[in-house]
N, C-alpha and C. Protein backbone atom coordinates (compact mmCIF):
# COMPACT_ATOMS: atom_id res chain seq x y z
N MET A 1 0.67 -1.21 -0.02
CA MET A 1 -0.04 -0.06 -0.41
C MET A 1 1.04 1.47 -0.50
N SER A 2 0.84 2.07 -0.87
CA SER A 2 1.47 3.49 -0.84
C SER A 2 1.29 4.21 0.12
N SER A 3 2.17 5.10 -0.09
CA SER A 3 1.97 6.62 1.35
C SER A 3 0.72 7.10 0.92
N ARG A 4 0.24 6.90 -0.14
CA ARG A 4 -0.99 8.06 -0.81
C ARG A 4 -2.18 7.76 -0.26
N SER A 5 -2.49 6.33 -0.58
CA SER A 5 -3.65 5.36 -0.14
C SER A 5 -3.49 5.35 1.68
N THR A 6 -2.53 5.09 2.17
CA THR A 6 -2.46 4.91 3.59
C THR A 6 -2.88 6.47 4.08
N ARG A 7 -2.43 7.32 3.76
CA ARG A 7 -3.10 8.98 3.98
C ARG A 7 -4.29 9.04 3.84
N ALA A 8 -4.70 8.40 2.82
CA ALA A 8 -6.76 8.21 2.18
C ALA A 8 -7.33 7.48 3.23
N SER A 9 -6.41 6.64 3.73
CA SER A 9 -7.00 5.50 4.15
C SER A 9 -7.69 5.84 5.95
N ASN A 10 -6.15 6.91 6.25
CA ASN A 10 -6.41 7.44 7.76
C ASN A 10 -7.41 8.12 7.93
N ALA A 11 -7.76 9.04 6.70
CA ALA A 11 -8.92 9.91 6.95
C ALA A 11 -10.18 9.00 7.16
N VAL A 12 -10.25 8.15 6.43
CA VAL A 12 -11.51 7.17 6.54
C VAL A 12 -11.63 6.96 7.76
N ASP A 13 -10.64 6.06 8.41
CA ASP A 13 -10.74 5.40 9.68
C ASP A 13 -11.37 6.65 10.28
N ARG A 14 -10.48 7.72 10.63
CA ARG A 14 -11.05 8.97 11.57
C ARG A 14 -12.49 9.18 11.27
N LEU A 15 -12.77 9.13 9.72
CA LEU A 15 -13.89 9.18 9.81
C LEU A 15 -15.41 8.28 10.33
N LYS A 16 -14.70 7.19 10.59
CA LYS A 16 -15.07 6.07 11.06
C LYS A 16 -15.50 6.46 12.39
N LEU A 17 -14.42 6.74 13.12
CA LEU A 17 -14.33 6.98 14.34
C LEU A 17 -15.57 8.46 14.79
N ARG A 18 -15.71 8.94 14.29
CA ARG A 18 -16.40 10.55 14.40
C ARG A 18 -17.58 10.06 14.57
N SER A 19 -18.07 9.25 13.29
CA SER A 19 -19.44 9.10 13.47
C SER A 19 -19.96 7.80 13.87
N GLY A 20 -19.11 7.29 13.93
CA GLY A 20 -19.81 5.43 14.02
C GLY A 20 -20.28 4.41 13.36
N ASN A 21 -19.95 5.07 12.36
CA ASN A 21 -20.42 4.36 11.37
C ASN A 21 -19.35 3.74 10.46
N GLN A 22 -19.49 2.29 10.59
CA GLN A 22 -18.29 1.34 10.20
C GLN A 22 -18.29 1.04 8.52
N GLY A 23 -19.25 1.56 7.82
CA GLY A 23 -19.66 1.24 6.73
C GLY A 23 -18.74 2.05 6.05
N TRP A 24 -18.09 3.28 6.31
CA TRP A 24 -17.71 4.00 5.54
C TRP A 24 -16.57 3.03 4.11
N SER A 25 -16.25 3.42 2.87
CA SER A 25 -15.45 2.80 2.30
C SER A 25 -15.14 3.65 1.31
N MET A 26 -13.53 3.42 0.88
CA MET A 26 -12.98 4.38 0.27
C MET A 26 -12.45 3.60 -1.16
N SER A 27 -12.51 3.79 -2.48
CA SER A 27 -11.56 3.20 -3.70
C SER A 27 -11.00 3.89 -4.21
N ILE A 28 -10.21 3.41 -5.17
CA ILE A 28 -9.24 4.11 -5.93
C ILE A 28 -9.33 3.77 -7.23
N THR A 29 -9.68 4.86 -8.15
CA THR A 29 -10.01 4.65 -9.52
C THR A 29 -8.39 4.05 -10.21
N GLY A 30 -8.24 3.37 -11.30
CA GLY A 30 -7.43 3.34 -12.15
C GLY A 30 -6.00 4.19 -12.11
N SER A 31 -6.80 5.52 -12.30
CA SER A 31 -6.12 6.71 -12.45
C SER A 31 -5.23 7.63 -11.25
N GLY A 32 -5.50 7.04 -10.27
CA GLY A 32 -5.32 7.19 -8.94
C GLY A 32 -6.04 7.94 -8.19
N HIS A 33 -7.32 8.18 -8.46
CA HIS A 33 -8.23 9.27 -8.07
C HIS A 33 -8.79 7.97 -7.06
N PHE A 34 -9.22 9.06 -5.95
CA PHE A 34 -10.25 8.13 -4.40
C PHE A 34 -11.58 8.77 -4.34
N PHE A 35 -12.55 7.89 -4.41
CA PHE A 35 -13.77 8.15 -3.80
C PHE A 35 -14.72 7.27 -2.80
N LEU A 36 -15.49 8.15 -2.18
CA LEU A 36 -15.92 7.90 -0.98
C LEU A 36 -17.61 7.07 -0.79
N THR A 37 -17.77 5.64 -0.50
CA THR A 37 -18.92 5.34 -0.57
C THR A 37 -19.14 5.22 1.13
N GLU A 38 -20.64 5.02 1.25
CA GLU A 38 -21.07 4.69 2.98
C GLU A 38 -20.78 3.19 2.81
N GLY A 39 -20.56 2.11 1.84
CA GLY A 39 -20.13 0.98 1.90
C GLY A 39 -20.36 0.42 0.55
N PRO A 40 -19.33 -0.55 0.76
CA PRO A 40 -19.29 -1.48 -0.45
C PRO A 40 -20.16 -1.90 -0.71
N GLY A 41 -20.42 -1.46 -2.52
CA GLY A 41 -21.44 -1.58 -3.42
C GLY A 41 -22.23 -0.45 -3.44
N GLN A 42 -22.22 0.64 -2.49
CA GLN A 42 -22.99 1.32 -2.46
C GLN A 42 -22.53 2.47 -3.56
N PRO A 43 -23.08 4.01 -4.03
CA PRO A 43 -22.84 4.69 -4.89
C PRO A 43 -22.36 5.80 -4.68
N PRO A 44 -20.97 6.13 -5.11
CA PRO A 44 -19.70 6.99 -4.68
C PRO A 44 -20.71 8.37 -4.52
N LEU A 45 -20.21 8.69 -3.15
CA LEU A 45 -21.03 10.02 -2.58
C LEU A 45 -19.73 11.08 -3.16
N CYS A 46 -18.82 11.22 -3.67
CA CYS A 46 -18.18 12.21 -5.09
C CYS A 46 -17.78 11.62 -5.94
N PRO A 47 -17.46 12.72 -6.53
CA PRO A 47 -16.49 12.32 -7.78
C PRO A 47 -15.31 11.72 -7.61
N PRO A 48 -14.76 11.05 -8.39
CA PRO A 48 -12.79 10.81 -8.33
C PRO A 48 -12.24 11.57 -7.57
N MET A 49 -11.56 12.03 -6.74
CA MET A 49 -10.65 13.06 -6.71
C MET A 49 -9.26 12.78 -6.72
N GLU A 50 -8.44 14.04 -6.29
CA GLU A 50 -6.89 13.85 -6.15
C GLU A 50 -6.86 13.93 -4.80
N LEU A 51 -5.63 13.51 -4.05
CA LEU A 51 -5.41 13.10 -2.90
C LEU A 51 -6.01 14.13 -1.74
N ASP A 52 -5.41 15.34 -1.67
CA ASP A 52 -5.58 16.15 -1.02
C ASP A 52 -6.90 16.86 -1.03
N GLU A 53 -7.44 16.69 -2.26
CA GLU A 53 -8.94 16.99 -2.15
C GLU A 53 -10.00 15.80 -1.35
N PHE A 54 -9.71 14.56 -1.32
CA PHE A 54 -10.35 13.51 -0.88
C PHE A 54 -9.87 13.93 0.62
N VAL A 55 -9.05 14.08 0.94
CA VAL A 55 -8.49 13.95 2.56
C VAL A 55 -9.41 15.46 3.33
N ALA A 56 -9.16 16.20 2.46
CA ALA A 56 -10.29 17.40 3.03
C ALA A 56 -11.96 17.18 2.67
N PHE A 57 -12.41 16.59 1.48
CA PHE A 57 -13.68 16.28 1.63
C PHE A 57 -14.27 14.87 2.75
N VAL A 58 -13.45 14.37 2.89
CA VAL A 58 -13.63 13.26 3.99
C VAL A 58 -13.15 13.42 5.34
N ASN A 59 -12.41 14.57 5.97
CA ASN A 59 -12.10 15.48 6.85
C ASN A 59 -13.47 16.22 7.49
N ALA A 60 -14.29 16.58 6.19
CA ALA A 60 -15.58 18.08 6.47
C ALA A 60 -16.80 17.05 6.30
N GLN A 61 -16.72 15.60 6.53
CA GLN A 61 -17.59 14.91 6.75
C GLN A 61 -18.11 14.27 8.24
N GLY A 62 -19.38 13.82 8.44
CA GLY A 62 -20.08 13.73 9.78
C GLY A 62 -19.58 14.81 10.70
N PRO A 63 -19.80 14.51 12.03
CA PRO A 63 -19.75 15.46 13.40
C PRO A 63 -18.05 15.48 13.65
N GLN A 64 -17.65 16.47 13.38
CA GLN A 64 -16.39 17.30 13.56
C GLN A 64 -16.42 17.15 15.60
N THR A 65 -14.72 16.80 15.50
CA THR A 65 -14.56 16.74 16.98
C THR A 65 -13.88 17.87 17.41
N PRO A 66 -14.09 18.80 18.17
CA PRO A 66 -13.48 19.64 19.13
C PRO A 66 -12.71 20.04 19.09
N ARG A 67 -11.57 21.27 19.00
CA ARG A 67 -10.31 21.62 18.62
C ARG A 67 -9.99 21.61 20.48
N ARG A 68 -8.62 21.31 20.54
CA ARG A 68 -8.31 20.95 21.97
C ARG A 68 -7.85 22.37 22.36
N ILE A 69 -8.00 22.70 23.37
CA ILE A 69 -7.33 24.53 23.68
C ILE A 69 -6.84 24.22 24.96
N SER A 70 -5.69 24.42 25.15
CA SER A 70 -4.73 24.66 26.35
C SER A 70 -4.88 25.80 27.09
N LYS A 71 -4.74 25.83 28.25
CA LYS A 71 -4.72 27.08 29.22
C LYS A 71 -3.55 28.15 28.91
N LEU A 72 -2.38 27.56 28.07
CA LEU A 72 -1.93 28.90 27.50
C LEU A 72 -2.43 29.84 26.33
N ASP A 73 -3.27 28.96 25.54
CA ASP A 73 -3.87 29.65 24.55
C ASP A 73 -4.91 30.15 24.92
N VAL A 74 -5.87 29.74 25.81
CA VAL A 74 -6.53 30.76 26.47
C VAL A 74 -6.31 32.25 26.65
N ALA A 75 -4.72 31.79 27.58
CA ALA A 75 -4.31 33.27 28.03
C ALA A 75 -3.61 34.02 26.97
N PHE A 76 -3.44 33.48 26.12
CA PHE A 76 -2.90 34.35 24.45
C PHE A 76 -4.16 34.48 24.46
N GLU A 77 -4.93 34.47 23.98
CA GLU A 77 -6.18 34.86 23.47
C GLU A 77 -7.11 36.10 24.17
N LYS A 78 -6.76 36.01 25.54
CA LYS A 78 -7.11 37.05 26.21
C LYS A 78 -6.12 38.40 26.23
N GLN A 79 -4.50 37.67 26.04
CA GLN A 79 -3.79 39.28 25.55
C GLN A 79 -4.11 39.99 24.10
N LEU A 80 -4.37 39.02 23.44
CA LEU A 80 -4.57 39.69 22.08
C LEU A 80 -5.72 40.61 21.73
N THR A 81 -7.19 40.45 22.77
CA THR A 81 -8.29 41.26 23.18
C THR A 81 -7.93 42.45 23.21
N LYS A 82 -8.28 43.95 22.83
CA LYS A 82 -7.93 44.84 22.93
C LYS A 82 -8.71 45.62 24.15
N LYS A 83 -7.76 46.04 25.04
CA LYS A 83 -8.40 46.75 26.37
C LYS A 83 -8.80 47.67 26.34
N PRO A 84 -10.05 48.27 26.93
CA PRO A 84 -10.93 49.71 26.55
C PRO A 84 -9.69 51.04 26.94
N PRO A 85 -9.93 52.00 26.46
CA PRO A 85 -9.13 52.88 26.74
C PRO A 85 -9.21 53.64 28.18
N LYS A 86 -8.28 54.20 28.77
CA LYS A 86 -8.50 54.65 29.78
C LYS A 86 -8.84 55.59 29.94
N ALA A 87 -9.80 55.96 30.72
CA ALA A 87 -10.45 57.55 30.93
C ALA A 87 -9.72 58.75 31.52
């Protein structure tokens, strides 16, 4: 398995975890393009795509995981907000 298909299959595995649907499946065309289906034998959910497009498409599907924010990120965000001018 090439690194291209590994990257695409990892994106599909993440989608399976996020959605709880283990039926998601990817296929590779003879020209090296990828497409996503909801299961083997199901119609494709997208036209055949290049690797980067396919990974972005798969990452946009299903429920999204919330971004993890550390205490340092919160403190930095507070520093970026403008303070009101002193009277």
